[in-house]
Protein backbone atom coordinates (compact mmCIF):
# COMPACT_ATOMS: atom_id res chain seq x y z
CA MET A 1 0.00 0.00 0.00
CA SER A 2 1.45 3.35 -1.04
CA MET A 3 1.11 6.18 1.45
CA THR A 4 1.77 9.87 0.87
CA VAL A 5 2.96 11.68 3.97
CA SER A 6 3.85 15.29 4.61
CA TYR A 7 6.46 14.76 7.30
CA PRO A 8 9.95 13.22 7.33
CA THR A 9 10.16 9.44 7.27
CA VAL A 10 12.84 6.79 7.11
CA GLU A 11 12.46 3.34 5.71
CA LYS A 12 13.50 0.23 7.61
CA ALA A 13 12.93 -3.22 6.16
CA GLY A 14 10.50 -1.71 3.65
CA ILE A 15 8.38 -0.03 6.35
CA LYS A 16 7.99 3.76 6.53
CA ILE A 17 8.66 5.18 9.97
CA ALA A 18 7.90 8.78 10.94
CA VAL A 19 10.81 10.80 12.27
CA LEU A 20 9.91 12.07 15.72
CA SER A 21 11.65 15.25 16.80
CA PRO A 22 13.66 15.16 20.04
CA ALA A 23 10.92 16.76 22.18
CA PRO A 24 8.30 13.99 21.75
CA VAL A 25 10.98 11.30 22.07
CA GLU A 26 12.02 12.79 25.41
CA LYS A 27 8.38 12.99 26.54
CA ILE A 28 7.90 9.34 25.63
CA LYS A 29 11.06 8.25 27.44
CA LYS A 30 10.07 10.26 30.51
CA ALA A 31 6.59 8.68 30.47
CA MET A 32 8.19 5.24 30.31
CA THR A 33 9.91 5.87 33.64
CA ARG A 34 6.53 6.34 35.33
CA PHE A 35 5.20 2.89 34.41
CA PRO A 36 6.25 -0.69 35.16
CA ARG A 37 5.99 -1.75 31.47
CA PRO A 38 6.81 0.26 28.33
CA LEU A 39 3.37 -0.48 26.81
CA SER A 40 1.78 1.35 29.74
CA ALA A 41 3.24 4.58 28.35
CA VAL A 42 1.43 4.22 25.01
CA LEU A 43 -1.17 6.94 25.70
CA PRO A 44 1.36 9.61 26.70
CA ALA A 45 3.41 8.55 23.67
CA LEU A 46 0.42 8.97 21.36
CA HIS A 47 -0.23 12.42 22.82
CA ALA A 48 3.41 13.41 22.29
CA ALA A 49 3.36 12.33 18.63
CA ARG A 50 -0.01 14.01 18.04
CA GLU A 51 1.41 17.25 19.46
CA GLN A 52 4.19 17.11 16.87
CA PHE A 53 2.17 16.05 13.82
CA GLY A 54 -1.43 17.00 14.62
CA TYR A 55 -2.67 13.51 13.78
CA LEU A 56 -1.49 9.89 13.88
CA ASP A 57 -1.04 7.29 11.14
CA GLU A 58 0.82 4.04 10.43
CA PRO A 59 4.35 5.51 10.06
CA MET A 60 3.82 7.34 13.37
CA TYR A 61 2.67 4.11 15.06
CA GLU A 62 5.94 2.56 13.87
CA ALA A 63 7.99 5.43 15.31
CA ILE A 64 6.20 5.28 18.66
CA ALA A 65 6.57 1.49 18.79
CA GLU A 66 10.28 1.82 18.12
CA VAL A 67 10.77 4.25 21.03
CA LEU A 68 8.61 2.18 23.40
CA GLY A 69 10.06 -1.16 22.31
CA VAL A 70 6.62 -2.62 21.59
CA THR A 71 4.89 -3.71 18.38
CA ARG A 72 3.21 -1.39 15.90
CA ALA A 73 -0.01 -3.36 16.46
CA GLU A 74 0.03 -2.56 20.18
CA VAL A 75 0.38 1.15 19.44
CA ALA A 76 -2.29 1.04 16.70
CA GLU A 77 -4.74 -0.74 19.02
CA ALA A 78 -4.64 2.15 21.47
CA ALA A 79 -4.57 4.89 18.82
CA THR A 80 -7.56 3.57 16.89
CA PHE A 81 -9.64 2.96 20.01
CA TYR A 82 -9.77 6.63 21.04
CA THR A 83 -11.45 9.39 19.00
CA LEU A 84 -9.11 11.95 20.53
CA PHE A 85 -6.35 10.85 18.15
CA PRO A 86 -7.14 12.04 14.61
CA LYS A 87 -6.06 9.56 11.94
CA ARG A 88 -5.58 12.17 9.21
CA PRO A 89 -4.81 15.89 9.12
CA VAL A 90 -7.51 18.06 10.70
CA GLY A 91 -8.10 21.77 11.09
CA LYS A 92 -6.41 23.88 13.73
CA ASN A 93 -9.63 23.58 15.75
CA LEU A 94 -11.06 20.07 15.93
CA VAL A 95 -14.73 20.45 16.85
CA MET A 96 -16.07 17.17 18.25
CA VAL A 97 -19.82 17.29 18.85
CA CYS A 98 -21.27 14.69 21.20
CA LYS A 99 -24.09 12.75 19.54
CA ASN A 100 -25.07 10.42 22.38
CA ILE A 101 -28.48 10.31 24.02
CA SER A 102 -28.28 13.24 26.46
CA CYS A 103 -26.84 15.58 23.85
CA ALA A 104 -29.17 14.22 21.15
CA LEU A 105 -32.21 14.88 23.33
CA ARG A 106 -30.99 18.41 24.05
CA GLY A 107 -30.29 19.45 20.46
CA ALA A 108 -27.02 17.92 19.20
CA ASP A 109 -28.44 17.42 15.69
CA ASN A 110 -29.47 21.08 15.51
CA LEU A 111 -26.05 22.08 16.82
CA ILE A 112 -24.32 20.01 14.12
CA SER A 113 -26.53 21.48 11.40
CA TYR A 114 -25.82 24.99 12.68
CA LEU A 115 -22.06 24.40 12.74
CA GLU A 116 -22.14 22.96 9.21
CA LYS A 117 -24.03 25.99 7.92
CA LYS A 118 -21.91 28.51 9.84
CA LEU A 119 -18.59 26.98 8.77
CA GLY A 120 -19.69 25.95 5.26
CA ILE A 121 -18.57 22.33 5.68
CA LYS A 122 -20.10 18.95 6.49
CA VAL A 123 -19.19 16.60 9.34
CA GLY A 124 -15.77 15.10 8.62
CA GLU A 125 -14.62 18.03 6.49
CA THR A 126 -12.17 20.85 7.11
CA THR A 127 -12.69 24.50 6.19
CA THR A 128 -10.66 25.75 3.23
CA ASP A 129 -8.62 28.00 5.54
CA GLY A 130 -7.68 24.96 7.66
CA LYS A 131 -9.11 26.45 10.85
CA PHE A 132 -11.98 24.03 11.61
CA THR A 133 -12.86 20.36 11.26
CA ILE A 134 -16.20 19.02 12.52
CA TRP A 135 -16.64 15.49 13.87
CA LYS A 136 -19.58 13.72 15.48
CA VAL A 137 -18.36 11.59 18.37
CA GLU A 138 -19.73 9.26 21.00
CA CYS A 139 -20.26 10.34 24.59
CA LEU A 140 -17.75 12.83 25.93
CA GLY A 141 -18.89 12.28 29.51
CA SER A 142 -20.57 15.60 30.14
CA CYS A 143 -24.20 14.52 29.97
CA GLY A 144 -25.39 17.01 32.58
CA THR A 145 -24.23 19.93 30.42
CA ALA A 146 -25.73 18.85 27.10
CA PRO A 147 -25.58 19.79 24.34
CA MET A 148 -21.82 20.00 24.37
CA MET A 149 -18.75 19.63 22.22
CA GLN A 150 -15.03 19.39 22.72
CA VAL A 151 -12.89 21.84 20.77
CA ASN A 152 -9.32 20.63 20.79
CA ASP A 153 -8.81 19.79 24.47
CA GLU A 154 -11.53 21.97 26.00
CA PHE A 155 -15.18 21.19 26.70
CA GLN A 156 -17.80 23.70 25.56
CA GLU A 157 -20.99 23.03 27.48
CA ASN A 158 -24.65 24.10 27.69
CA LEU A 159 -24.33 25.31 24.12
CA THR A 160 -26.62 27.78 22.43
CA ARG A 161 -26.27 29.38 19.01
CA ALA A 162 -25.00 32.54 20.69
CA LYS A 163 -22.29 30.59 22.55
CA VAL A 164 -21.30 28.82 19.32
CA ASP A 165 -21.14 32.14 17.45
CA ALA A 166 -18.89 33.68 20.12
CA LEU A 167 -16.62 30.64 20.18
CA ILE A 168 -16.27 30.46 16.38
CA GLU A 169 -15.52 34.19 16.26
CA LYS A 170 -12.86 33.84 18.98
CA LEU A 171 -11.22 30.82 17.31
CA SER A 172 -11.30 32.42 13.84
CA LYS A 173 -8.85 35.17 14.87
């Protein structure tokens, strides 16, 4: 399978491996000291690689596995389980709208439609300026503050159109 990437890679035994910069490698190594087994540091390692690249894919799984001393499959299992690790490039602001029951009952579908109209994109797409990507995700664990969404690493709760407008304006600058 041919893969086009926009970051430096090396090839070992016919497998593309992303080149992690020194900062994430150090973060991964530091995380490894906090756990009894290297595999236990896979989540901090995924976060470190995502901070560098903005998303995760197969060559990055290889690089993380190499630093941790585990298999690519073990890294991929964790990365693909969590929605917080994008698997392809996303906008500067990743807008993840909860679609589970509490949010659905309190207007998540209307919120998604409003975001799509306001940003001029559909769920799964990124704005042409690269500032926003919209995703629908499963429960984010904030059912008492529905409807809600997570933008990058921050929860936005008890959402109204006015709150969405103010947030989009703030993030557009």
